[in-house]
């Protein structure tokens, strides 16, 4: 059995020192709750969403990276694409170091 696929979530912006912030823990928890991604109980660092988990770094207020794990591949990709596009996240495969390239939005068909 293979390990579940994981991606590191980063900001597409660069910071002068270190990694750019994705937001505060409080802000991320509030924003991700709108997409049905939340911890099982208050104070936990793992958020559960449709087909995914997102792990926040423990004890950090300002979040610069998170770890996304696919738990149900059949439904996870729709969630991942929606979150990444909504928040402008960059997703890196930690096994290869490559950035995940998301499909472009479809252009409406010409009449």
N, C-alpha and C. Protein backbone atom coordinates (compact mmCIF):
# COMPACT_ATOMS: atom_id res chain seq x y z
N UNK A 1 0.85 -1.19 0.00
CA UNK A 1 0.00 0.00 0.00
C UNK A 1 0.89 1.25 0.00
N UNK A 2 0.60 2.18 -0.86
CA UNK A 2 1.41 3.38 -0.96
C UNK A 2 0.96 4.44 0.05
N UNK A 3 1.87 5.36 0.34
CA UNK A 3 1.57 6.46 1.26
C UNK A 3 0.61 7.42 0.59
N UNK A 4 -0.22 8.10 1.38
CA UNK A 4 -1.12 9.09 0.77
C UNK A 4 -0.32 10.24 0.18
N UNK A 5 -0.85 10.80 -0.90
CA UNK A 5 -0.16 11.92 -1.55
C UNK A 5 -0.27 13.17 -0.69
N UNK A 6 0.82 13.92 -0.62
CA UNK A 6 0.86 15.14 0.17
C UNK A 6 1.41 16.29 -0.65
N UNK A 7 1.02 17.50 -0.24
CA UNK A 7 1.51 18.73 -0.84
C UNK A 7 1.77 19.73 0.27
N UNK A 8 2.82 20.53 0.10
CA UNK A 8 3.09 21.63 1.00
C UNK A 8 2.40 22.86 0.42
N UNK A 9 1.60 23.53 1.25
CA UNK A 9 0.89 24.73 0.83
C UNK A 9 1.75 25.94 1.20
N UNK A 10 2.03 26.77 0.20
CA UNK A 10 2.83 27.99 0.40
C UNK A 10 2.14 29.17 -0.26
N UNK A 11 2.55 30.35 0.15
CA UNK A 11 2.07 31.56 -0.50
C UNK A 11 2.81 31.72 -1.83
N UNK A 12 2.13 32.21 -2.87
CA UNK A 12 2.83 32.44 -4.13
C UNK A 12 3.75 33.66 -4.06
N UNK A 13 3.58 34.47 -3.03
CA UNK A 13 4.39 35.68 -2.86
C UNK A 13 5.71 35.32 -2.19
N UNK A 14 6.70 36.15 -2.39
CA UNK A 14 7.97 35.95 -1.71
C UNK A 14 8.13 37.03 -0.65
N UNK A 15 8.79 36.67 0.43
CA UNK A 15 9.03 37.61 1.52
C UNK A 15 10.51 38.00 1.50
N UNK A 16 10.82 39.17 2.06
CA UNK A 16 12.21 39.61 2.07
C UNK A 16 13.07 38.68 2.93
N UNK A 17 12.50 38.13 3.99
CA UNK A 17 13.22 37.18 4.84
C UNK A 17 12.31 35.99 5.10
N UNK A 18 12.69 34.83 4.59
CA UNK A 18 11.90 33.64 4.83
C UNK A 18 10.71 33.53 3.90
N UNK A 19 9.74 32.73 4.33
CA UNK A 19 8.55 32.48 3.52
C UNK A 19 7.46 33.50 3.81
N UNK A 20 6.69 33.84 2.80
CA UNK A 20 5.58 34.79 2.96
C UNK A 20 4.46 34.12 3.75
N UNK A 21 3.72 34.92 4.45
CA UNK A 21 2.63 34.43 5.29
C UNK A 21 1.40 34.04 4.46
N UNK A 22 0.76 32.95 4.87
CA UNK A 22 -0.53 32.56 4.31
C UNK A 22 -1.66 33.26 5.07
N UNK A 23 -1.36 33.72 6.28
CA UNK A 23 -2.33 34.39 7.13
C UNK A 23 -2.14 33.97 8.58
N UNK A 24 -2.93 34.53 9.44
CA UNK A 24 -2.87 34.14 10.84
C UNK A 24 -3.65 32.84 11.04
N UNK A 25 -3.34 32.13 12.09
CA UNK A 25 -4.06 30.89 12.41
C UNK A 25 -5.56 31.16 12.51
N UNK A 26 -5.92 32.21 13.22
CA UNK A 26 -7.33 32.56 13.41
C UNK A 26 -8.02 32.83 12.07
N UNK A 27 -7.36 33.61 11.22
CA UNK A 27 -7.92 33.95 9.91
C UNK A 27 -8.08 32.69 9.04
N UNK A 28 -7.05 31.83 9.01
CA UNK A 28 -7.11 30.62 8.21
C UNK A 28 -8.21 29.68 8.69
N UNK A 29 -8.35 29.53 10.00
CA UNK A 29 -9.41 28.67 10.55
C UNK A 29 -10.78 29.19 10.13
N UNK A 30 -10.95 30.50 10.22
CA UNK A 30 -12.23 31.11 9.84
C UNK A 30 -12.50 30.96 8.34
N UNK A 31 -11.50 31.25 7.52
CA UNK A 31 -11.67 31.18 6.06
C UNK A 31 -11.89 29.74 5.58
N UNK A 32 -11.15 28.79 6.12
CA UNK A 32 -11.27 27.40 5.69
C UNK A 32 -12.57 26.76 6.18
N UNK A 33 -13.11 27.26 7.28
CA UNK A 33 -14.39 26.74 7.77
C UNK A 33 -15.50 26.94 6.73
N UNK A 34 -15.40 28.00 5.94
CA UNK A 34 -16.39 28.25 4.87
C UNK A 34 -16.36 27.15 3.81
N UNK A 35 -15.26 26.39 3.75
CA UNK A 35 -15.10 25.32 2.77
C UNK A 35 -15.19 23.94 3.44
N UNK A 36 -15.83 23.91 4.61
CA UNK A 36 -16.04 22.67 5.35
C UNK A 36 -14.72 22.01 5.76
N UNK A 37 -13.72 22.83 6.09
CA UNK A 37 -12.42 22.35 6.58
C UNK A 37 -12.23 22.91 7.98
N UNK A 38 -12.22 22.02 8.96
CA UNK A 38 -12.12 22.47 10.35
C UNK A 38 -11.52 21.37 11.21
N UNK A 39 -10.97 21.75 12.38
CA UNK A 39 -10.45 20.73 13.29
C UNK A 39 -11.60 19.97 13.95
N UNK A 40 -11.31 18.75 14.43
CA UNK A 40 -12.33 17.97 15.12
C UNK A 40 -12.75 18.64 16.42
N UNK A 41 -11.79 19.33 17.07
CA UNK A 41 -12.11 20.08 18.28
C UNK A 41 -11.19 21.29 18.35
N UNK A 42 -11.61 22.28 19.11
CA UNK A 42 -10.87 23.53 19.22
C UNK A 42 -9.45 23.27 19.74
N UNK A 43 -8.49 23.97 19.17
CA UNK A 43 -7.11 23.84 19.61
C UNK A 43 -6.31 22.78 18.88
N UNK A 44 -6.94 22.00 18.02
CA UNK A 44 -6.22 20.97 17.26
C UNK A 44 -5.57 21.60 16.04
N UNK A 45 -4.48 20.99 15.58
CA UNK A 45 -3.71 21.53 14.45
C UNK A 45 -4.06 20.89 13.12
N UNK A 46 -4.88 19.84 13.12
CA UNK A 46 -5.26 19.17 11.88
C UNK A 46 -6.69 19.53 11.51
N UNK A 47 -6.87 20.05 10.30
CA UNK A 47 -8.19 20.39 9.79
C UNK A 47 -8.64 19.27 8.86
N UNK A 48 -9.88 18.88 8.99
CA UNK A 48 -10.46 17.83 8.15
C UNK A 48 -11.41 18.47 7.16
N UNK A 49 -11.27 18.12 5.89
CA UNK A 49 -12.15 18.64 4.86
C UNK A 49 -12.55 17.53 3.91
N UNK A 50 -13.32 17.85 2.89
CA UNK A 50 -13.77 16.84 1.93
C UNK A 50 -12.59 16.18 1.20
N UNK A 51 -12.23 14.97 1.62
CA UNK A 51 -11.17 14.22 0.98
C UNK A 51 -9.75 14.61 1.33
N UNK A 52 -9.58 15.55 2.28
CA UNK A 52 -8.25 16.05 2.63
C UNK A 52 -8.10 16.29 4.13
N UNK A 53 -6.85 16.41 4.56
CA UNK A 53 -6.54 17.01 5.84
C UNK A 53 -5.51 18.10 5.58
N UNK A 54 -5.54 19.13 6.40
CA UNK A 54 -4.55 20.21 6.34
C UNK A 54 -3.96 20.35 7.73
N UNK A 55 -2.64 20.20 7.84
CA UNK A 55 -1.96 20.31 9.12
C UNK A 55 -1.31 21.68 9.24
N UNK A 56 -1.65 22.38 10.33
CA UNK A 56 -1.05 23.67 10.63
C UNK A 56 0.15 23.44 11.54
N UNK A 57 1.20 24.27 11.44
CA UNK A 57 2.34 24.11 12.33
C UNK A 57 1.91 24.38 13.78
N UNK A 58 2.22 23.49 14.70
CA UNK A 58 1.79 23.68 16.09
C UNK A 58 2.42 24.92 16.72
N UNK A 59 1.60 25.65 17.46
CA UNK A 59 2.09 26.78 18.23
C UNK A 59 2.41 28.04 17.45
N UNK A 60 2.20 28.06 16.16
CA UNK A 60 2.49 29.26 15.37
C UNK A 60 1.23 30.08 15.16
N UNK A 61 1.35 31.39 15.34
CA UNK A 61 0.24 32.29 15.12
C UNK A 61 0.18 32.72 13.66
N UNK A 62 1.35 33.07 13.10
CA UNK A 62 1.43 33.48 11.70
C UNK A 62 1.88 32.27 10.90
N UNK A 63 1.05 31.81 9.98
CA UNK A 63 1.29 30.56 9.26
C UNK A 63 1.92 30.84 7.90
N UNK A 64 3.07 30.22 7.64
CA UNK A 64 3.74 30.41 6.34
C UNK A 64 3.70 29.15 5.48
N UNK A 65 3.36 28.01 6.08
CA UNK A 65 3.20 26.79 5.30
C UNK A 65 2.30 25.81 6.02
N UNK A 66 1.64 24.95 5.25
CA UNK A 66 0.76 23.93 5.80
C UNK A 66 0.98 22.66 4.99
N UNK A 67 0.63 21.52 5.57
CA UNK A 67 0.77 20.25 4.87
C UNK A 67 -0.61 19.71 4.53
N UNK A 68 -0.86 19.49 3.25
CA UNK A 68 -2.14 18.96 2.77
C UNK A 68 -1.95 17.49 2.42
N UNK A 69 -2.83 16.64 2.93
CA UNK A 69 -2.78 15.20 2.65
C UNK A 69 -4.10 14.77 2.03
N UNK A 70 -4.02 13.99 0.96
CA UNK A 70 -5.23 13.44 0.34
C UNK A 70 -5.68 12.23 1.16
N UNK A 71 -6.93 12.23 1.61
CA UNK A 71 -7.46 11.10 2.36
C UNK A 71 -8.44 10.28 1.54
N UNK A 72 -9.09 10.92 0.59
CA UNK A 72 -10.01 10.24 -0.33
C UNK A 72 -9.81 10.87 -1.70
N UNK A 73 -8.97 10.23 -2.50
CA UNK A 73 -8.58 10.82 -3.78
C UNK A 73 -9.76 11.10 -4.70
N UNK A 74 -10.80 10.27 -4.63
CA UNK A 74 -11.96 10.43 -5.52
C UNK A 74 -12.62 11.81 -5.37
N UNK A 75 -12.61 12.35 -4.16
CA UNK A 75 -13.29 13.64 -3.94
C UNK A 75 -12.33 14.78 -3.61
N UNK A 76 -11.07 14.47 -3.37
CA UNK A 76 -10.13 15.49 -2.89
C UNK A 76 -9.76 16.53 -3.94
N UNK A 77 -9.66 16.13 -5.21
CA UNK A 77 -9.14 17.07 -6.21
C UNK A 77 -10.03 18.28 -6.42
N UNK A 78 -11.33 18.09 -6.37
CA UNK A 78 -12.24 19.23 -6.50
C UNK A 78 -12.01 20.22 -5.35
N UNK A 79 -11.84 19.68 -4.15
CA UNK A 79 -11.57 20.51 -2.96
C UNK A 79 -10.24 21.24 -3.12
N UNK A 80 -9.21 20.53 -3.52
CA UNK A 80 -7.87 21.11 -3.65
C UNK A 80 -7.85 22.24 -4.68
N UNK A 81 -8.43 22.00 -5.84
CA UNK A 81 -8.45 23.02 -6.89
C UNK A 81 -9.22 24.25 -6.41
N UNK A 82 -10.35 24.04 -5.79
CA UNK A 82 -11.18 25.16 -5.32
C UNK A 82 -10.43 25.98 -4.27
N UNK A 83 -9.81 25.32 -3.29
CA UNK A 83 -9.07 26.03 -2.25
C UNK A 83 -7.86 26.77 -2.83
N UNK A 84 -7.08 26.09 -3.65
CA UNK A 84 -5.88 26.71 -4.20
C UNK A 84 -6.21 27.93 -5.05
N UNK A 85 -7.25 27.84 -5.84
CA UNK A 85 -7.63 28.98 -6.68
C UNK A 85 -8.23 30.12 -5.85
N UNK A 86 -9.04 29.78 -4.85
CA UNK A 86 -9.66 30.81 -4.01
C UNK A 86 -8.61 31.59 -3.23
N UNK A 87 -7.65 30.88 -2.64
CA UNK A 87 -6.67 31.52 -1.78
C UNK A 87 -5.35 31.84 -2.48
N UNK A 88 -5.21 31.43 -3.75
CA UNK A 88 -3.99 31.72 -4.49
C UNK A 88 -2.78 30.95 -3.98
N UNK A 89 -3.00 29.77 -3.43
CA UNK A 89 -1.91 28.98 -2.87
C UNK A 89 -1.02 28.39 -3.95
N UNK A 90 0.24 28.18 -3.58
CA UNK A 90 1.17 27.41 -4.38
C UNK A 90 1.30 26.06 -3.68
N UNK A 91 1.18 24.96 -4.44
CA UNK A 91 1.25 23.62 -3.88
C UNK A 91 2.50 22.93 -4.40
N UNK A 92 3.35 22.46 -3.48
CA UNK A 92 4.58 21.78 -3.85
C UNK A 92 4.51 20.33 -3.42
N UNK A 93 4.96 19.44 -4.28
CA UNK A 93 5.08 18.02 -3.95
C UNK A 93 6.39 17.86 -3.18
N UNK A 94 6.34 17.48 -1.89
CA UNK A 94 7.58 17.38 -1.11
C UNK A 94 8.50 16.26 -1.58
N UNK A 95 7.95 15.26 -2.27
CA UNK A 95 8.77 14.14 -2.75
C UNK A 95 9.63 14.55 -3.94
N UNK A 96 9.13 15.45 -4.78
CA UNK A 96 9.86 15.84 -5.99
C UNK A 96 10.33 17.29 -5.99
N UNK A 97 9.73 18.12 -5.14
CA UNK A 97 10.05 19.54 -5.13
C UNK A 97 9.37 20.32 -6.23
N UNK A 98 8.50 19.65 -6.99
CA UNK A 98 7.83 20.30 -8.12
C UNK A 98 6.52 20.94 -7.67
N UNK A 99 6.20 22.05 -8.33
CA UNK A 99 4.94 22.74 -8.07
C UNK A 99 3.81 22.05 -8.83
N UNK A 100 2.68 21.88 -8.15
CA UNK A 100 1.50 21.32 -8.80
C UNK A 100 0.90 22.39 -9.70
N UNK A 101 0.70 22.06 -10.96
CA UNK A 101 0.09 22.99 -11.90
C UNK A 101 -1.38 22.63 -12.02
N UNK A 102 -2.23 23.55 -11.62
CA UNK A 102 -3.67 23.32 -11.65
C UNK A 102 -4.23 23.60 -13.04
N UNK A 103 -5.31 22.92 -13.39
CA UNK A 103 -5.91 23.17 -14.70
C UNK A 103 -6.44 24.60 -14.79
N UNK A 104 -6.30 25.18 -15.96
CA UNK A 104 -6.82 26.54 -16.18
C UNK A 104 -8.34 26.49 -16.22
N UNK A 105 -8.95 27.60 -15.86
CA UNK A 105 -10.40 27.70 -15.96
C UNK A 105 -10.78 27.58 -17.42
N UNK A 106 -11.89 26.94 -17.66
CA UNK A 106 -12.37 26.79 -19.03
C UNK A 106 -12.93 28.10 -19.55
N UNK A 107 -12.63 28.36 -20.80
CA UNK A 107 -13.19 29.53 -21.45
C UNK A 107 -14.58 29.15 -21.98
N UNK A 108 -15.53 30.06 -21.92
CA UNK A 108 -16.83 29.72 -22.48
C UNK A 108 -16.74 29.44 -23.97
N UNK A 109 -17.52 28.52 -24.41
CA UNK A 109 -17.52 28.14 -25.83
C UNK A 109 -18.06 29.30 -26.68
N UNK A 110 -17.48 29.45 -27.84
CA UNK A 110 -17.95 30.51 -28.76
C UNK A 110 -19.26 30.07 -29.39
N UNK A 111 -20.18 31.03 -29.61
CA UNK A 111 -21.45 30.66 -30.24
C UNK A 111 -21.30 30.30 -31.69
